Amino acid sequence: MKRSLITFVYSCIAIVFVFSSCASDVDFDQVNTVKLKPVLIANLAYFEVPAPDFVTNGQEQSLVFDVPAVDVFSDKFFRDNLKKASIFTEMENTINRAYELEFLFLDQDNAAVYKANFNVPAYSGTVNKVNRTDVFENVQLDLLKKTTKIAFILRMLPGQSLTEKSSGKLILRSGVTAYLLVE
């Protein structure tokens, strides 16, 4: 008898809690005012060029380039919701020779829609990193969205000759931060 009385009391308390809980009306129209602002960070390019790669059959090659395809802007959702982008590029040089890096953003007709370049001084025994950040908003962002390829052009500047036994390397690291607004 005592056990059933205890069970009855606990059951009554549980029912009181269930039926006295607080609840408010749900406003499903709030979904129409939701704004998501995701930020995406991704690698854009990376390459490492050892000093001997600038020498072919004993002859210095003063120009190295790569033109990877960029298909991110073919996605309509990404293109429509991208509001800002920044591209960070860093060059590290451990070769005793100065370089100039130029990168061109090309559209589907291989026309340049954006161009940037910077100089990388020769290695002198200490850490030698050069970096830059390019920010794309408004009109520049519209140009960036037309990009289908990026041409990386690396020019070796005059200086001490390189051989197939020269030491050091150039390292390029590049990443993009994309700011989206989804309504």
N, C-alpha and C. Protein backbone atom coordinates (compact mmCIF):
# COMPACT_ATOMS: atom_id res chain seq x y z
N MET A 1 0.82 -1.18 0.00
CA MET A 1 0.00 0.00 0.00
C MET A 1 0.87 1.25 0.00
N LYS A 2 1.90 1.20 0.81
CA LYS A 2 2.80 2.33 0.90
C LYS A 2 3.48 2.59 -0.46
N ARG A 3 3.83 1.52 -1.14
CA ARG A 3 4.50 1.64 -2.43
C ARG A 3 3.57 2.28 -3.47
N SER A 4 2.33 1.91 -3.51
CA SER A 4 1.39 2.48 -4.47
C SER A 4 1.10 3.96 -4.16
N LEU A 5 1.12 4.31 -2.90
CA LEU A 5 0.93 5.71 -2.52
C LEU A 5 2.10 6.56 -3.01
N ILE A 6 3.29 6.05 -2.86
CA ILE A 6 4.48 6.78 -3.33
C ILE A 6 4.44 6.90 -4.85
N THR A 7 4.08 5.85 -5.54
CA THR A 7 3.98 5.89 -7.00
C THR A 7 2.92 6.90 -7.41
N PHE A 8 1.79 6.93 -6.71
CA PHE A 8 0.72 7.87 -7.02
C PHE A 8 1.20 9.32 -6.85
N VAL A 9 1.94 9.61 -5.78
CA VAL A 9 2.43 10.96 -5.51
C VAL A 9 3.42 11.39 -6.61
N TYR A 10 4.35 10.51 -6.96
CA TYR A 10 5.32 10.84 -8.02
C TYR A 10 4.63 11.05 -9.36
N SER A 11 3.62 10.27 -9.63
CA SER A 11 2.88 10.41 -10.89
C SER A 11 2.17 11.76 -10.93
N CYS A 12 1.57 12.15 -9.81
CA CYS A 12 0.89 13.46 -9.76
C CYS A 12 1.87 14.61 -9.95
N ILE A 13 3.03 14.52 -9.35
CA ILE A 13 4.05 15.57 -9.50
C ILE A 13 4.50 15.67 -10.95
N ALA A 14 4.71 14.52 -11.58
CA ALA A 14 5.14 14.51 -12.98
C ALA A 14 4.09 15.13 -13.88
N ILE A 15 2.84 14.83 -13.66
CA ILE A 15 1.76 15.39 -14.48
C ILE A 15 1.68 16.90 -14.30
N VAL A 16 1.85 17.37 -13.07
CA VAL A 16 1.83 18.81 -12.80
C VAL A 16 2.95 19.50 -13.59
N PHE A 17 4.17 18.92 -13.58
CA PHE A 17 5.29 19.52 -14.32
C PHE A 17 5.04 19.53 -15.83
N VAL A 18 4.49 18.46 -16.36
CA VAL A 18 4.26 18.38 -17.80
C VAL A 18 3.24 19.41 -18.24
N PHE A 19 2.15 19.56 -17.51
CA PHE A 19 1.09 20.45 -17.94
C PHE A 19 1.28 21.90 -17.50
N SER A 20 2.29 22.16 -16.70
CA SER A 20 2.50 23.55 -16.28
C SER A 20 3.76 24.14 -16.92
N SER A 21 4.34 23.47 -17.92
CA SER A 21 5.55 24.00 -18.55
C SER A 21 5.21 25.23 -19.38
N CYS A 22 6.19 26.06 -19.58
CA CYS A 22 6.00 27.30 -20.32
C CYS A 22 6.19 27.04 -21.80
N ALA A 23 5.41 27.69 -22.60
CA ALA A 23 5.54 27.59 -24.05
C ALA A 23 5.04 28.89 -24.65
N SER A 24 5.67 29.29 -25.72
CA SER A 24 5.21 30.49 -26.41
C SER A 24 4.84 30.10 -27.83
N ASP A 25 4.11 30.96 -28.48
CA ASP A 25 3.73 30.70 -29.86
C ASP A 25 4.96 30.69 -30.74
N VAL A 26 4.97 29.82 -31.71
CA VAL A 26 6.09 29.71 -32.64
C VAL A 26 5.79 30.57 -33.85
N ASP A 27 6.74 31.44 -34.21
CA ASP A 27 6.58 32.33 -35.36
C ASP A 27 7.41 31.79 -36.52
N PHE A 28 6.77 31.06 -37.41
CA PHE A 28 7.48 30.45 -38.54
C PHE A 28 7.89 31.48 -39.59
N ASP A 29 7.36 32.69 -39.52
CA ASP A 29 7.75 33.75 -40.46
C ASP A 29 9.16 34.27 -40.19
N GLN A 30 9.71 33.94 -39.02
CA GLN A 30 11.08 34.36 -38.71
C GLN A 30 12.09 33.78 -39.68
N VAL A 31 11.78 32.68 -40.29
CA VAL A 31 12.70 32.06 -41.24
C VAL A 31 12.95 32.98 -42.44
N ASN A 32 12.03 33.87 -42.74
CA ASN A 32 12.19 34.80 -43.86
C ASN A 32 13.18 35.92 -43.58
N THR A 33 13.53 36.13 -42.32
CA THR A 33 14.46 37.21 -41.98
C THR A 33 15.84 36.70 -41.56
N VAL A 34 16.07 35.41 -41.71
CA VAL A 34 17.36 34.82 -41.32
C VAL A 34 18.43 35.21 -42.33
N LYS A 35 19.57 35.66 -41.84
CA LYS A 35 20.73 35.98 -42.68
C LYS A 35 21.91 35.19 -42.14
N LEU A 36 22.48 34.37 -43.01
CA LEU A 36 23.67 33.61 -42.65
C LEU A 36 24.89 34.30 -43.27
N LYS A 37 25.96 34.41 -42.50
CA LYS A 37 27.17 35.07 -42.98
C LYS A 37 28.37 34.14 -42.81
N PRO A 38 28.40 33.04 -43.57
CA PRO A 38 29.55 32.13 -43.42
C PRO A 38 30.82 32.72 -44.02
N VAL A 39 31.95 32.34 -43.44
CA VAL A 39 33.26 32.73 -43.93
C VAL A 39 34.01 31.44 -44.28
N LEU A 40 34.45 31.34 -45.52
CA LEU A 40 35.16 30.16 -45.98
C LEU A 40 36.63 30.50 -46.20
N ILE A 41 37.50 29.62 -45.75
CA ILE A 41 38.94 29.81 -45.95
C ILE A 41 39.46 28.59 -46.70
N ALA A 42 40.19 28.83 -47.79
CA ALA A 42 40.68 27.71 -48.60
C ALA A 42 42.04 28.05 -49.18
N ASN A 43 42.82 27.01 -49.47
CA ASN A 43 44.09 27.19 -50.17
C ASN A 43 43.79 27.52 -51.62
N LEU A 44 44.54 28.45 -52.16
CA LEU A 44 44.37 28.82 -53.57
C LEU A 44 45.48 28.19 -54.40
N ALA A 45 46.72 28.34 -53.97
CA ALA A 45 47.84 27.79 -54.73
C ALA A 45 49.03 27.55 -53.81
N TYR A 46 49.82 26.58 -54.19
CA TYR A 46 51.07 26.29 -53.48
C TYR A 46 52.03 25.72 -54.50
N PHE A 47 53.24 26.25 -54.51
CA PHE A 47 54.28 25.59 -55.28
C PHE A 47 55.63 25.85 -54.67
N GLU A 48 56.53 24.93 -54.96
CA GLU A 48 57.91 24.98 -54.45
C GLU A 48 58.81 24.73 -55.65
N VAL A 49 59.72 25.68 -55.92
CA VAL A 49 60.62 25.57 -57.07
C VAL A 49 62.05 25.58 -56.57
N PRO A 50 62.75 24.43 -56.62
CA PRO A 50 64.16 24.40 -56.22
C PRO A 50 65.03 25.16 -57.22
N ALA A 51 66.12 25.72 -56.75
CA ALA A 51 67.02 26.51 -57.61
C ALA A 51 67.44 25.77 -58.88
N PRO A 52 67.77 24.47 -58.83
CA PRO A 52 68.17 23.78 -60.07
C PRO A 52 67.09 23.74 -61.14
N ASP A 53 65.83 23.93 -60.76
CA ASP A 53 64.76 23.93 -61.77
C ASP A 53 64.82 25.15 -62.68
N PHE A 54 65.60 26.15 -62.30
CA PHE A 54 65.77 27.33 -63.16
C PHE A 54 66.90 27.13 -64.16
N VAL A 55 67.48 25.93 -64.20
CA VAL A 55 68.58 25.61 -65.12
C VAL A 55 68.19 24.39 -65.93
N THR A 56 68.25 24.53 -67.27
CA THR A 56 67.95 23.43 -68.18
C THR A 56 69.12 23.29 -69.16
N ASN A 57 69.72 22.10 -69.16
CA ASN A 57 70.88 21.84 -70.03
C ASN A 57 71.97 22.90 -69.87
N GLY A 58 72.21 23.31 -68.63
CA GLY A 58 73.26 24.28 -68.33
C GLY A 58 72.87 25.72 -68.59
N GLN A 59 71.67 25.98 -69.08
CA GLN A 59 71.22 27.34 -69.40
C GLN A 59 70.17 27.79 -68.38
N GLU A 60 70.36 29.02 -67.87
CA GLU A 60 69.38 29.59 -66.94
C GLU A 60 68.07 29.86 -67.65
N GLN A 61 66.98 29.54 -66.97
CA GLN A 61 65.65 29.85 -67.47
C GLN A 61 65.10 30.94 -66.55
N SER A 62 64.90 32.12 -67.08
CA SER A 62 64.52 33.25 -66.23
C SER A 62 63.01 33.36 -66.01
N LEU A 63 62.23 32.48 -66.61
CA LEU A 63 60.78 32.57 -66.52
C LEU A 63 60.18 31.20 -66.22
N VAL A 64 59.32 31.17 -65.19
CA VAL A 64 58.58 29.96 -64.84
C VAL A 64 57.14 30.39 -64.66
N PHE A 65 56.20 29.61 -65.19
CA PHE A 65 54.80 29.99 -64.99
C PHE A 65 53.91 28.76 -64.89
N ASP A 66 52.76 28.98 -64.30
CA ASP A 66 51.74 27.95 -64.14
C ASP A 66 50.39 28.64 -64.29
N VAL A 67 49.43 27.95 -64.92
CA VAL A 67 48.11 28.54 -65.15
C VAL A 67 47.04 27.52 -64.75
N PRO A 68 46.78 27.40 -63.45
CA PRO A 68 45.73 26.46 -63.02
C PRO A 68 44.33 27.02 -63.28
N ALA A 69 43.39 26.12 -63.54
CA ALA A 69 41.99 26.51 -63.72
C ALA A 69 41.35 26.80 -62.37
N VAL A 70 40.42 27.74 -62.36
CA VAL A 70 39.67 28.10 -61.16
C VAL A 70 38.20 27.96 -61.51
N ASP A 71 37.55 26.93 -60.99
CA ASP A 71 36.15 26.73 -61.36
C ASP A 71 35.16 27.08 -60.26
N VAL A 72 35.63 27.71 -59.20
CA VAL A 72 34.75 28.03 -58.07
C VAL A 72 33.63 29.00 -58.47
N PHE A 73 33.89 29.88 -59.43
CA PHE A 73 32.89 30.87 -59.80
C PHE A 73 31.88 30.32 -60.81
N SER A 74 32.03 29.08 -61.22
CA SER A 74 31.03 28.47 -62.08
C SER A 74 29.81 28.04 -61.27
N ASP A 75 29.95 27.98 -59.95
CA ASP A 75 28.85 27.62 -59.06
C ASP A 75 27.97 28.85 -58.82
N LYS A 76 26.71 28.78 -59.28
CA LYS A 76 25.81 29.94 -59.18
C LYS A 76 25.57 30.37 -57.73
N PHE A 77 25.38 29.41 -56.82
CA PHE A 77 25.14 29.75 -55.42
C PHE A 77 26.30 30.56 -54.86
N PHE A 78 27.52 30.10 -55.10
CA PHE A 78 28.70 30.79 -54.59
C PHE A 78 28.82 32.17 -55.22
N ARG A 79 28.65 32.26 -56.53
CA ARG A 79 28.78 33.53 -57.25
C ARG A 79 27.73 34.54 -56.77
N ASP A 80 26.49 34.07 -56.54
CA ASP A 80 25.41 34.98 -56.14
C ASP A 80 25.55 35.45 -54.69
N ASN A 81 26.15 34.65 -53.84
CA ASN A 81 26.19 34.98 -52.40
C ASN A 81 27.54 35.51 -51.92
N LEU A 82 28.54 35.52 -52.77
CA LEU A 82 29.85 36.05 -52.39
C LEU A 82 29.77 37.58 -52.30
N LYS A 83 30.12 38.13 -51.14
CA LYS A 83 30.04 39.58 -50.93
C LYS A 83 31.40 40.24 -50.81
N LYS A 84 32.42 39.44 -50.47
CA LYS A 84 33.77 39.99 -50.30
C LYS A 84 34.75 38.81 -50.34
N ALA A 85 35.94 39.07 -50.83
CA ALA A 85 36.98 38.04 -50.82
C ALA A 85 38.33 38.72 -50.60
N SER A 86 39.21 38.01 -49.91
CA SER A 86 40.58 38.50 -49.78
C SER A 86 41.52 37.35 -50.12
N ILE A 87 42.56 37.69 -50.85
CA ILE A 87 43.55 36.69 -51.27
C ILE A 87 44.88 37.06 -50.65
N PHE A 88 45.42 36.13 -49.88
CA PHE A 88 46.71 36.31 -49.22
C PHE A 88 47.74 35.50 -50.00
N THR A 89 48.86 36.14 -50.34
CA THR A 89 49.94 35.46 -51.06
C THR A 89 51.24 35.72 -50.33
N GLU A 90 52.02 34.65 -50.16
CA GLU A 90 53.32 34.75 -49.50
C GLU A 90 54.36 34.03 -50.34
N MET A 91 55.50 34.68 -50.52
CA MET A 91 56.65 34.07 -51.20
C MET A 91 57.80 33.99 -50.22
N GLU A 92 58.43 32.83 -50.17
CA GLU A 92 59.62 32.64 -49.35
C GLU A 92 60.76 32.30 -50.30
N ASN A 93 61.87 33.01 -50.18
CA ASN A 93 63.01 32.83 -51.08
C ASN A 93 64.26 32.45 -50.30
N THR A 94 64.85 31.29 -50.62
CA THR A 94 66.14 30.90 -50.04
C THR A 94 67.18 30.72 -51.14
N ILE A 95 66.95 31.37 -52.29
CA ILE A 95 67.89 31.37 -53.42
C ILE A 95 68.58 32.73 -53.44
N ASN A 96 69.87 32.74 -53.70
CA ASN A 96 70.62 34.00 -53.73
C ASN A 96 70.37 34.73 -55.05
N ARG A 97 69.10 35.02 -55.31
CA ARG A 97 68.69 35.70 -56.54
C ARG A 97 67.33 36.33 -56.30
N ALA A 98 67.10 37.53 -56.80
CA ALA A 98 65.82 38.22 -56.65
C ALA A 98 64.84 37.78 -57.74
N TYR A 99 63.55 37.85 -57.41
CA TYR A 99 62.50 37.43 -58.34
C TYR A 99 61.36 38.43 -58.33
N GLU A 100 60.58 38.39 -59.39
CA GLU A 100 59.34 39.15 -59.45
C GLU A 100 58.22 38.15 -59.71
N LEU A 101 57.17 38.22 -58.89
CA LEU A 101 56.00 37.36 -59.08
C LEU A 101 54.86 38.22 -59.61
N GLU A 102 54.26 37.76 -60.67
CA GLU A 102 53.09 38.43 -61.23
C GLU A 102 51.98 37.39 -61.29
N PHE A 103 50.79 37.78 -60.85
CA PHE A 103 49.68 36.87 -61.07
C PHE A 103 48.56 37.61 -61.76
N LEU A 104 48.00 36.92 -62.75
CA LEU A 104 46.93 37.46 -63.58
C LEU A 104 45.68 36.61 -63.40
N PHE A 105 44.57 37.26 -63.15
CA PHE A 105 43.29 36.56 -63.11
C PHE A 105 42.70 36.67 -64.51
N LEU A 106 42.44 35.53 -65.13
CA LEU A 106 42.00 35.50 -66.52
C LEU A 106 40.55 35.05 -66.62
N ASP A 107 39.81 35.65 -67.58
CA ASP A 107 38.44 35.23 -67.82
C ASP A 107 38.41 34.10 -68.85
N GLN A 108 37.22 33.72 -69.29
CA GLN A 108 37.10 32.58 -70.22
C GLN A 108 37.76 32.84 -71.57
N ASP A 109 37.98 34.12 -71.92
CA ASP A 109 38.65 34.47 -73.18
C ASP A 109 40.15 34.71 -72.99
N ASN A 110 40.67 34.36 -71.82
CA ASN A 110 42.08 34.57 -71.44
C ASN A 110 42.47 36.04 -71.37
N ALA A 111 41.48 36.90 -71.17
CA ALA A 111 41.76 38.33 -70.97
C ALA A 111 41.96 38.56 -69.47
N ALA A 112 42.93 39.39 -69.13
CA ALA A 112 43.23 39.68 -67.73
C ALA A 112 42.13 40.56 -67.13
N VAL A 113 41.54 40.12 -66.03
CA VAL A 113 40.54 40.92 -65.33
C VAL A 113 41.13 41.57 -64.08
N TYR A 114 42.28 41.06 -63.63
CA TYR A 114 42.97 41.63 -62.47
C TYR A 114 44.43 41.21 -62.55
N LYS A 115 45.30 42.12 -62.14
CA LYS A 115 46.74 41.87 -62.21
C LYS A 115 47.40 42.38 -60.93
N ALA A 116 48.32 41.60 -60.40
CA ALA A 116 49.07 42.03 -59.22
C ALA A 116 50.49 41.48 -59.33
N ASN A 117 51.45 42.22 -58.82
CA ASN A 117 52.82 41.70 -58.80
C ASN A 117 53.56 42.27 -57.60
N PHE A 118 54.61 41.55 -57.22
CA PHE A 118 55.49 42.05 -56.17
C PHE A 118 56.86 41.44 -56.32
N ASN A 119 57.83 42.15 -55.76
CA ASN A 119 59.23 41.73 -55.86
C ASN A 119 59.63 40.93 -54.63
N VAL A 120 60.45 39.92 -54.87
CA VAL A 120 60.95 39.06 -53.80
C VAL A 120 62.47 39.22 -53.81
N PRO A 121 63.05 39.84 -52.77
CA PRO A 121 64.49 40.07 -52.76
C PRO A 121 65.29 38.76 -52.67
N ALA A 122 66.53 38.85 -53.06
CA ALA A 122 67.44 37.69 -53.00
C ALA A 122 67.68 37.29 -51.55
N TYR A 123 67.93 36.01 -51.36
CA TYR A 123 68.22 35.46 -50.04
C TYR A 123 69.58 35.99 -49.57
N SER A 124 69.64 36.43 -48.32
CA SER A 124 70.90 36.97 -47.79
C SER A 124 71.28 36.32 -46.46
N GLY A 125 70.77 35.12 -46.21
CA GLY A 125 71.13 34.41 -44.99
C GLY A 125 70.11 34.50 -43.87
N THR A 126 69.09 35.34 -44.02
CA THR A 126 68.04 35.44 -43.00
C THR A 126 66.69 35.11 -43.64
N VAL A 127 65.69 34.91 -42.80
CA VAL A 127 64.36 34.59 -43.30
C VAL A 127 63.93 35.67 -44.29
N ASN A 128 63.47 35.24 -45.44
CA ASN A 128 63.13 36.17 -46.51
C ASN A 128 61.73 35.84 -47.02
N LYS A 129 60.73 36.44 -46.39
CA LYS A 129 59.33 36.23 -46.79
C LYS A 129 58.72 37.57 -47.18
N VAL A 130 57.99 37.56 -48.27
CA VAL A 130 57.28 38.74 -48.74
C VAL A 130 55.83 38.33 -48.90
N ASN A 131 54.91 39.16 -48.43
CA ASN A 131 53.50 38.80 -48.59
C ASN A 131 52.67 40.02 -48.93
N ARG A 132 51.48 39.73 -49.40
CA ARG A 132 50.51 40.79 -49.72
C ARG A 132 49.12 40.21 -49.61
N THR A 133 48.16 41.09 -49.36
CA THR A 133 46.76 40.70 -49.31
C THR A 133 45.99 41.61 -50.26
N ASP A 134 45.24 40.99 -51.14
CA ASP A 134 44.38 41.73 -52.08
C ASP A 134 42.93 41.52 -51.65
N VAL A 135 42.19 42.61 -51.48
CA VAL A 135 40.80 42.55 -51.05
C VAL A 135 39.91 42.91 -52.23
N PHE A 136 38.86 42.10 -52.42
CA PHE A 136 37.95 42.29 -53.55
C PHE A 136 36.54 42.57 -53.02
N GLU A 137 36.04 43.76 -53.34
CA GLU A 137 34.68 44.17 -53.00
C GLU A 137 34.13 44.95 -54.18
N ASN A 138 32.81 45.03 -54.26
CA ASN A 138 32.12 45.85 -55.25
C ASN A 138 32.58 45.54 -56.67
N VAL A 139 33.10 46.54 -57.40
CA VAL A 139 33.49 46.35 -58.81
C VAL A 139 34.62 45.32 -58.94
N GLN A 140 35.61 45.38 -58.06
CA GLN A 140 36.70 44.40 -58.13
C GLN A 140 36.19 42.99 -57.88
N LEU A 141 35.19 42.85 -57.02
CA LEU A 141 34.61 41.53 -56.76
C LEU A 141 33.90 41.01 -58.01
N ASP A 142 33.21 41.89 -58.72
CA ASP A 142 32.56 41.49 -59.96
C ASP A 142 33.59 40.99 -60.98
N LEU A 143 34.74 41.65 -61.04
CA LEU A 143 35.81 41.19 -61.94
C LEU A 143 36.34 39.83 -61.49
N LEU A 144 36.54 39.68 -60.20
CA LEU A 144 37.03 38.41 -59.67
C LEU A 144 36.10 37.26 -60.02
N LYS A 145 34.80 37.51 -59.99
CA LYS A 145 33.82 36.46 -60.29
C LYS A 145 33.89 35.99 -61.74
N LYS A 146 34.53 36.76 -62.60
CA LYS A 146 34.70 36.36 -64.01
C LYS A 146 35.92 35.46 -64.21
N THR A 147 36.71 35.28 -63.17
CA THR A 147 37.96 34.52 -63.26
C THR A 147 37.71 33.04 -63.52
N THR A 148 38.41 32.50 -64.51
CA THR A 148 38.37 31.06 -64.79
C THR A 148 39.75 30.42 -64.64
N LYS A 149 40.81 31.24 -64.67
CA LYS A 149 42.19 30.76 -64.52
C LYS A 149 43.02 31.83 -63.83
N ILE A 150 44.06 31.40 -63.16
CA ILE A 150 45.01 32.34 -62.57
C ILE A 150 46.39 31.98 -63.11
N ALA A 151 47.05 32.94 -63.72
CA ALA A 151 48.40 32.72 -64.23
C ALA A 151 49.41 33.23 -63.21
N PHE A 152 50.29 32.34 -62.76
CA PHE A 152 51.39 32.71 -61.87
C PHE A 152 52.65 32.77 -62.72
N ILE A 153 53.24 33.96 -62.83
CA ILE A 153 54.43 34.15 -63.66
C ILE A 153 55.57 34.58 -62.74
N LEU A 154 56.63 33.81 -62.75
CA LEU A 154 57.78 34.05 -61.88
C LEU A 154 58.97 34.39 -62.76
N ARG A 155 59.49 35.61 -62.60
CA ARG A 155 60.63 36.08 -63.39
C ARG A 155 61.85 36.21 -62.49
N MET A 156 62.96 35.62 -62.93
CA MET A 156 64.22 35.74 -62.20
C MET A 156 64.89 37.04 -62.64
N LEU A 157 65.28 37.85 -61.69
CA LEU A 157 65.92 39.13 -61.99
C LEU A 157 67.43 38.93 -62.13
N PRO A 158 68.14 39.86 -62.74
CA PRO A 158 69.59 39.71 -62.93
C PRO A 158 70.33 39.53 -61.60
N GLY A 159 71.40 38.76 -61.65
CA GLY A 159 72.18 38.50 -60.44
C GLY A 159 73.16 37.37 -60.67
N GLN A 160 73.65 36.81 -59.57
CA GLN A 160 74.60 35.71 -59.62
C GLN A 160 74.00 34.52 -60.37
N SER A 161 74.76 33.93 -61.27
CA SER A 161 74.29 32.80 -62.09
C SER A 161 73.93 31.60 -61.23
N LEU A 162 72.90 30.89 -61.67
CA LEU A 162 72.51 29.64 -61.03
C LEU A 162 73.03 28.47 -61.84
N THR A 163 73.30 27.37 -61.16
CA THR A 163 73.72 26.13 -61.82
C THR A 163 72.81 25.00 -61.35
N GLU A 164 73.03 23.83 -61.92
CA GLU A 164 72.24 22.66 -61.51
C GLU A 164 72.55 22.21 -60.09
N LYS A 165 73.62 22.78 -59.50
CA LYS A 165 73.99 22.44 -58.12
C LYS A 165 73.66 23.57 -57.13
N SER A 166 73.02 24.63 -57.61
CA SER A 166 72.66 25.76 -56.73
C SER A 166 71.67 25.30 -55.66
N SER A 167 71.80 25.91 -54.49
CA SER A 167 70.91 25.54 -53.39
C SER A 167 69.80 26.57 -53.23
N GLY A 168 68.82 26.21 -52.45
CA GLY A 168 67.70 27.10 -52.14
C GLY A 168 66.47 26.76 -52.96
N LYS A 169 65.40 27.45 -52.63
CA LYS A 169 64.14 27.24 -53.33
C LYS A 169 63.22 28.43 -53.11
N LEU A 170 62.24 28.53 -53.95
CA LEU A 170 61.16 29.51 -53.82
C LEU A 170 59.90 28.75 -53.43
N ILE A 171 59.18 29.29 -52.45
CA ILE A 171 57.93 28.66 -52.03
C ILE A 171 56.83 29.72 -52.10
N LEU A 172 55.75 29.39 -52.79
CA LEU A 172 54.58 30.26 -52.86
C LEU A 172 53.44 29.59 -52.11
N ARG A 173 52.82 30.36 -51.24
CA ARG A 173 51.61 29.92 -50.53
C ARG A 173 50.55 30.99 -50.77
N SER A 174 49.38 30.54 -51.15
CA SER A 174 48.30 31.50 -51.41
C SER A 174 46.99 30.91 -50.93
N GLY A 175 46.19 31.74 -50.28
CA GLY A 175 44.89 31.30 -49.78
C GLY A 175 43.85 32.38 -49.99
N VAL A 176 42.60 31.97 -49.93
CA VAL A 176 41.50 32.89 -50.12
C VAL A 176 40.55 32.80 -48.94
N THR A 177 40.05 33.96 -48.51
CA THR A 177 38.99 34.03 -47.51
C THR A 177 37.78 34.62 -48.21
N ALA A 178 36.69 33.84 -48.22
CA ALA A 178 35.46 34.27 -48.91
C ALA A 178 34.38 34.56 -47.88
N TYR A 179 33.78 35.73 -48.01
CA TYR A 179 32.72 36.17 -47.10
C TYR A 179 31.39 36.10 -47.87
N LEU A 180 30.48 35.25 -47.39
CA LEU A 180 29.21 35.04 -48.05
C LEU A 180 28.08 35.68 -47.25
N LEU A 181 26.98 35.98 -47.93
CA LEU A 181 25.78 36.45 -47.27
C LEU A 181 24.62 35.68 -47.90
N VAL A 182 24.00 34.81 -47.11
CA VAL A 182 22.89 33.99 -47.58
C VAL A 182 21.62 34.47 -46.89
N GLU A 183 20.68 34.93 -47.70
CA GLU A 183 19.41 35.43 -47.14
C GLU A 183 18.27 34.54 -47.54
